[in-house]
Amino acid sequence: MKLPSRNRIIIEISLVLIWFVLRYTLENHYDFNIPFYVSFIVIISILLFAQKILDIFNIK
């Protein structure tokens, strides 16, 4: 099994970091509380969506 490329790892990590920044912004500036399980579901869906999109663009 081949490991994913550096570009793929960077893209997936950056998408998850964007979610954490968005969550931090919502919780601190707009007084919007996001439960842990919602955050977990969002992270998994981001990774699955990114995997499909990266496969479409043939980024291995």
PDB file of N, CA and C in Angstrom:
ATOM      1  N   MET A   1       0.838  -1.173   0.000  1.00  0.00           N
ATOM      2  CA  MET A   1       0.000   0.000   0.000  1.00  0.00           C
ATOM      3  C   MET A   1       0.888   1.244   0.000  1.00  0.00           C
ATOM      4  N   LYS A   2       0.607   2.136  -0.908  1.00  0.00           N
ATOM      5  CA  LYS A   2       1.400   3.348  -1.049  1.00  0.00           C
ATOM      6  C   LYS A   2       0.851   4.443  -0.135  1.00  0.00           C
ATOM      7  N   LEU A   3       1.759   5.168   0.494  1.00  0.00           N
ATOM      8  CA  LEU A   3       1.348   6.274   1.355  1.00  0.00           C
ATOM      9  C   LEU A   3       0.860   7.443   0.507  1.00  0.00           C
ATOM     10  N   PRO A   4      -0.035   8.263   1.052  1.00  0.00           N
ATOM     11  CA  PRO A   4      -0.516   9.420   0.290  1.00  0.00           C
ATOM     12  C   PRO A   4       0.606  10.437   0.072  1.00  0.00           C
ATOM     13  N   SER A   5       0.458  11.212  -0.976  1.00  0.00           N
ATOM     14  CA  SER A   5       1.487  12.195  -1.303  1.00  0.00           C
ATOM     15  C   SER A   5       1.485  13.341  -0.300  1.00  0.00           C
ATOM     16  N   ARG A   6       2.546  14.096  -0.351  1.00  0.00           N
ATOM     17  CA  ARG A   6       2.691  15.230   0.562  1.00  0.00           C
ATOM     18  C   ARG A   6       1.602  16.274   0.305  1.00  0.00           C
ATOM     19  N   ASN A   7       1.280  16.517  -0.960  1.00  0.00           N
ATOM     20  CA  ASN A   7       0.242  17.499  -1.297  1.00  0.00           C
ATOM     21  C   ASN A   7      -1.109  17.095  -0.724  1.00  0.00           C
ATOM     22  N   ARG A   8      -1.430  15.826  -0.828  1.00  0.00           N
ATOM     23  CA  ARG A   8      -2.714  15.332  -0.327  1.00  0.00           C
ATOM     24  C   ARG A   8      -2.809  15.509   1.189  1.00  0.00           C
ATOM     25  N   ILE A   9      -1.738  15.180   1.886  1.00  0.00           N
ATOM     26  CA  ILE A   9      -1.724  15.320   3.343  1.00  0.00           C
ATOM     27  C   ILE A   9      -1.858  16.785   3.740  1.00  0.00           C
ATOM     28  N   ILE A  10      -1.154  17.666   3.038  1.00  0.00           N
ATOM     29  CA  ILE A  10      -1.219  19.098   3.345  1.00  0.00           C
ATOM     30  C   ILE A  10      -2.630  19.635   3.121  1.00  0.00           C
ATOM     31  N   ILE A  11      -3.279  19.228   2.035  1.00  0.00           N
ATOM     32  CA  ILE A  11      -4.637  19.693   1.743  1.00  0.00           C
ATOM     33  C   ILE A  11      -5.614  19.216   2.812  1.00  0.00           C
ATOM     34  N   GLU A  12      -5.532  17.944   3.192  1.00  0.00           N
ATOM     35  CA  GLU A  12      -6.462  17.413   4.190  1.00  0.00           C
ATOM     36  C   GLU A  12      -6.247  18.052   5.560  1.00  0.00           C
ATOM     37  N   ILE A  13      -5.001  18.235   5.953  1.00  0.00           N
ATOM     38  CA  ILE A  13      -4.720  18.863   7.247  1.00  0.00           C
ATOM     39  C   ILE A  13      -5.175  20.315   7.251  1.00  0.00           C
ATOM     40  N   SER A  14      -4.968  21.016   6.141  1.00  0.00           N
ATOM     41  CA  SER A  14      -5.385  22.422   6.099  1.00  0.00           C
ATOM     42  C   SER A  14      -6.908  22.558   6.171  1.00  0.00           C
ATOM     43  N   LEU A  15      -7.643  21.632   5.565  1.00  0.00           N
ATOM     44  CA  LEU A  15      -9.103  21.683   5.657  1.00  0.00           C
ATOM     45  C   LEU A  15      -9.583  21.465   7.093  1.00  0.00           C
ATOM     46  N   VAL A  16      -8.959  20.536   7.795  1.00  0.00           N
ATOM     47  CA  VAL A  16      -9.334  20.297   9.190  1.00  0.00           C
ATOM     48  C   VAL A  16      -8.963  21.504  10.054  1.00  0.00           C
ATOM     49  N   LEU A  17      -7.816  22.114   9.792  1.00  0.00           N
ATOM     50  CA  LEU A  17      -7.427  23.312  10.545  1.00  0.00           C
ATOM     51  C   LEU A  17      -8.380  24.470  10.282  1.00  0.00           C
ATOM     52  N   ILE A  18      -8.860  24.591   9.048  1.00  0.00           N
ATOM     53  CA  ILE A  18      -9.850  25.624   8.734  1.00  0.00           C
ATOM     54  C   ILE A  18     -11.118  25.400   9.555  1.00  0.00           C
ATOM     55  N   TRP A  19     -11.523  24.135   9.725  1.00  0.00           N
ATOM     56  CA  TRP A  19     -12.696  23.850  10.544  1.00  0.00           C
ATOM     57  C   TRP A  19     -12.474  24.307  11.986  1.00  0.00           C
ATOM     58  N   PHE A  20     -11.279  24.037  12.542  1.00  0.00           N
ATOM     59  CA  PHE A  20     -11.016  24.445  13.916  1.00  0.00           C
ATOM     60  C   PHE A  20     -11.000  25.961  14.061  1.00  0.00           C
ATOM     61  N   VAL A  21     -10.487  26.667  13.072  1.00  0.00           N
ATOM     62  CA  VAL A  21     -10.506  28.131  13.103  1.00  0.00           C
ATOM     63  C   VAL A  21     -11.945  28.638  13.039  1.00  0.00           C
ATOM     64  N   LEU A  22     -12.753  28.046  12.162  1.00  0.00           N
ATOM     65  CA  LEU A  22     -14.161  28.436  12.061  1.00  0.00           C
ATOM     66  C   LEU A  22     -14.902  28.149  13.364  1.00  0.00           C
ATOM     67  N   ARG A  23     -14.637  26.995  13.949  1.00  0.00           N
ATOM     68  CA  ARG A  23     -15.282  26.639  15.212  1.00  0.00           C
ATOM     69  C   ARG A  23     -14.882  27.608  16.321  1.00  0.00           C
ATOM     70  N   TYR A  24     -13.601  27.931  16.402  1.00  0.00           N
ATOM     71  CA  TYR A  24     -13.119  28.885  17.402  1.00  0.00           C
ATOM     72  C   TYR A  24     -13.779  30.248  17.215  1.00  0.00           C
ATOM     73  N   THR A  25     -13.882  30.681  15.964  1.00  0.00           N
ATOM     74  CA  THR A  25     -14.509  31.972  15.671  1.00  0.00           C
ATOM     75  C   THR A  25     -15.976  31.972  16.080  1.00  0.00           C
ATOM     76  N   LEU A  26     -16.692  30.915  15.744  1.00  0.00           N
ATOM     77  CA  LEU A  26     -18.112  30.842  16.097  1.00  0.00           C
ATOM     78  C   LEU A  26     -18.323  30.806  17.604  1.00  0.00           C
ATOM     79  N   GLU A  27     -17.485  30.044  18.297  1.00  0.00           N
ATOM     80  CA  GLU A  27     -17.683  29.904  19.737  1.00  0.00           C
ATOM     81  C   GLU A  27     -17.290  31.157  20.507  1.00  0.00           C
ATOM     82  N   ASN A  28     -16.282  31.868  20.065  1.00  0.00           N
ATOM     83  CA  ASN A  28     -15.803  33.011  20.846  1.00  0.00           C
ATOM     84  C   ASN A  28     -16.426  34.337  20.441  1.00  0.00           C
ATOM     85  N   HIS A  29     -16.674  34.537  19.172  1.00  0.00           N
ATOM     86  CA  HIS A  29     -17.162  35.838  18.724  1.00  0.00           C
ATOM     87  C   HIS A  29     -18.682  35.902  18.586  1.00  0.00           C
ATOM     88  N   TYR A  30     -19.311  34.768  18.330  1.00  0.00           N
ATOM     89  CA  TYR A  30     -20.758  34.776  18.108  1.00  0.00           C
ATOM     90  C   TYR A  30     -21.531  34.016  19.176  1.00  0.00           C
ATOM     91  N   ASP A  31     -20.838  33.583  20.230  1.00  0.00           N
ATOM     92  CA  ASP A  31     -21.469  32.883  21.348  1.00  0.00           C
ATOM     93  C   ASP A  31     -22.304  31.692  20.862  1.00  0.00           C
ATOM     94  N   PHE A  32     -21.695  30.902  20.008  1.00  0.00           N
ATOM     95  CA  PHE A  32     -22.340  29.741  19.414  1.00  0.00           C
ATOM     96  C   PHE A  32     -21.581  28.509  19.870  1.00  0.00           C
ATOM     97  N   ASN A  33     -22.221  27.649  20.655  1.00  0.00           N
ATOM     98  CA  ASN A  33     -21.542  26.491  21.216  1.00  0.00           C
ATOM     99  C   ASN A  33     -21.720  25.275  20.310  1.00  0.00           C
ATOM    100  N   ILE A  34     -20.600  24.667  19.901  1.00  0.00           N
ATOM    101  CA  ILE A  34     -20.624  23.488  19.036  1.00  0.00           C
ATOM    102  C   ILE A  34     -20.188  22.284  19.870  1.00  0.00           C
ATOM    103  N   PRO A  35     -21.052  21.280  20.019  1.00  0.00           N
ATOM    104  CA  PRO A  35     -20.689  20.096  20.806  1.00  0.00           C
ATOM    105  C   PRO A  35     -19.563  19.297  20.143  1.00  0.00           C
ATOM    106  N   PHE A  36     -18.911  18.478  20.965  1.00  0.00           N
ATOM    107  CA  PHE A  36     -17.778  17.689  20.485  1.00  0.00           C
ATOM    108  C   PHE A  36     -18.188  16.721  19.378  1.00  0.00           C
ATOM    109  N   TYR A  37     -19.331  16.065  19.538  1.00  0.00           N
ATOM    110  CA  TYR A  37     -19.735  15.075  18.543  1.00  0.00           C
ATOM    111  C   TYR A  37     -20.042  15.722  17.195  1.00  0.00           C
ATOM    112  N   VAL A  38     -20.550  16.939  17.190  1.00  0.00           N
ATOM    113  CA  VAL A  38     -20.796  17.644  15.928  1.00  0.00           C
ATOM    114  C   VAL A  38     -19.468  17.954  15.251  1.00  0.00           C
ATOM    115  N   SER A  39     -18.496  18.380  16.037  1.00  0.00           N
ATOM    116  CA  SER A  39     -17.173  18.667  15.496  1.00  0.00           C
ATOM    117  C   SER A  39     -16.545  17.401  14.916  1.00  0.00           C
ATOM    118  N   PHE A  40     -16.708  16.288  15.607  1.00  0.00           N
ATOM    119  CA  PHE A  40     -16.173  15.013  15.133  1.00  0.00           C
ATOM    120  C   PHE A  40     -16.825  14.601  13.811  1.00  0.00           C
ATOM    121  N   ILE A  41     -18.128  14.747  13.702  1.00  0.00           N
ATOM    122  CA  ILE A  41     -18.847  14.414  12.469  1.00  0.00           C
ATOM    123  C   ILE A  41     -18.405  15.319  11.325  1.00  0.00           C
ATOM    124  N   VAL A  42     -18.216  16.599  11.612  1.00  0.00           N
ATOM    125  CA  VAL A  42     -17.780  17.538  10.570  1.00  0.00           C
ATOM    126  C   VAL A  42     -16.383  17.184  10.079  1.00  0.00           C
ATOM    127  N   ILE A  43     -15.476  16.829  10.984  1.00  0.00           N
ATOM    128  CA  ILE A  43     -14.111  16.469  10.582  1.00  0.00           C
ATOM    129  C   ILE A  43     -14.123  15.227   9.707  1.00  0.00           C
ATOM    130  N   ILE A  44     -14.900  14.223  10.078  1.00  0.00           N
ATOM    131  CA  ILE A  44     -14.977  12.999   9.268  1.00  0.00           C
ATOM    132  C   ILE A  44     -15.569  13.299   7.900  1.00  0.00           C
ATOM    133  N   SER A  45     -16.609  14.118   7.848  1.00  0.00           N
ATOM    134  CA  SER A  45     -17.213  14.443   6.552  1.00  0.00           C
ATOM    135  C   SER A  45     -16.263  15.278   5.693  1.00  0.00           C
ATOM    136  N   ILE A  46     -15.484  16.172   6.304  1.00  0.00           N
ATOM    137  CA  ILE A  46     -14.488  16.936   5.545  1.00  0.00           C
ATOM    138  C   ILE A  46     -13.465  15.996   4.930  1.00  0.00           C
ATOM    139  N   LEU A  47     -12.984  15.035   5.713  1.00  0.00           N
ATOM    140  CA  LEU A  47     -11.972  14.111   5.200  1.00  0.00           C
ATOM    141  C   LEU A  47     -12.528  13.217   4.098  1.00  0.00           C
ATOM    142  N   LEU A  48     -13.767  12.752   4.245  1.00  0.00           N
ATOM    143  CA  LEU A  48     -14.366  11.922   3.196  1.00  0.00           C
ATOM    144  C   LEU A  48     -14.612  12.723   1.921  1.00  0.00           C
ATOM    145  N   PHE A  49     -15.102  13.945   2.071  1.00  0.00           N
ATOM    146  CA  PHE A  49     -15.338  14.810   0.920  1.00  0.00           C
ATOM    147  C   PHE A  49     -14.024  15.150   0.225  1.00  0.00           C
ATOM    148  N   ALA A  50     -12.993  15.463   1.008  1.00  0.00           N
ATOM    149  CA  ALA A  50     -11.685  15.788   0.427  1.00  0.00           C
ATOM    150  C   ALA A  50     -11.113  14.586  -0.311  1.00  0.00           C
ATOM    151  N   GLN A  51     -11.327  13.401   0.224  1.00  0.00           N
ATOM    152  CA  GLN A  51     -10.819  12.193  -0.422  1.00  0.00           C
ATOM    153  C   GLN A  51     -11.461  12.002  -1.793  1.00  0.00           C
ATOM    154  N   LYS A  52     -12.761  12.202  -1.891  1.00  0.00           N
ATOM    155  CA  LYS A  52     -13.447  12.067  -3.180  1.00  0.00           C
ATOM    156  C   LYS A  52     -12.975  13.119  -4.177  1.00  0.00           C
ATOM    157  N   ILE A  53     -12.873  14.370  -3.728  1.00  0.00           N
ATOM    158  CA  ILE A  53     -12.451  15.453  -4.616  1.00  0.00           C
ATOM    159  C   ILE A  53     -11.011  15.244  -5.078  1.00  0.00           C
ATOM    160  N   LEU A  54     -10.124  14.842  -4.166  1.00  0.00           N
ATOM    161  CA  LEU A  54      -8.728  14.627  -4.544  1.00  0.00           C
ATOM    162  C   LEU A  54      -8.589  13.445  -5.494  1.00  0.00           C
ATOM    163  N   ASP A  55      -9.440  12.436  -5.351  1.00  0.00           N
ATOM    164  CA  ASP A  55      -9.429  11.321  -6.302  1.00  0.00           C
ATOM    165  C   ASP A  55      -9.916  11.761  -7.676  1.00  0.00           C
ATOM    166  N   ILE A  56     -10.895  12.660  -7.712  1.00  0.00           N
ATOM    167  CA  ILE A  56     -11.388  13.171  -8.995  1.00  0.00           C
ATOM    168  C   ILE A  56     -10.285  13.927  -9.723  1.00  0.00           C
ATOM    169  N   PHE A  57      -9.520  14.744  -8.978  1.00  0.00           N
ATOM    170  CA  PHE A  57      -8.436  15.516  -9.582  1.00  0.00           C
ATOM    171  C   PHE A  57      -7.137  14.724  -9.679  1.00  0.00           C
ATOM    172  N   ASN A  58      -7.188  13.436  -9.332  1.00  0.00           N
ATOM    173  CA  ASN A  58      -6.071  12.509  -9.470  1.00  0.00           C
ATOM    174  C   ASN A  58      -4.846  12.952  -8.668  1.00  0.00           C
ATOM    175  N   ILE A  59      -5.075  13.424  -7.457  1.00  0.00           N
ATOM    176  CA  ILE A  59      -3.979  13.746  -6.545  1.00  0.00           C
ATOM    177  C   ILE A  59      -3.839  12.558  -5.606  1.00  0.00           C
ATOM    178  N   LYS A  60      -2.820  11.790  -5.823  1.00  0.00           N
ATOM    179  CA  LYS A  60      -2.609  10.574  -5.031  1.00  0.00           C
ATOM    180  C   LYS A  60      -1.688  10.904  -3.895  1.00  0.00           C
TER     181      LYS A  60
END
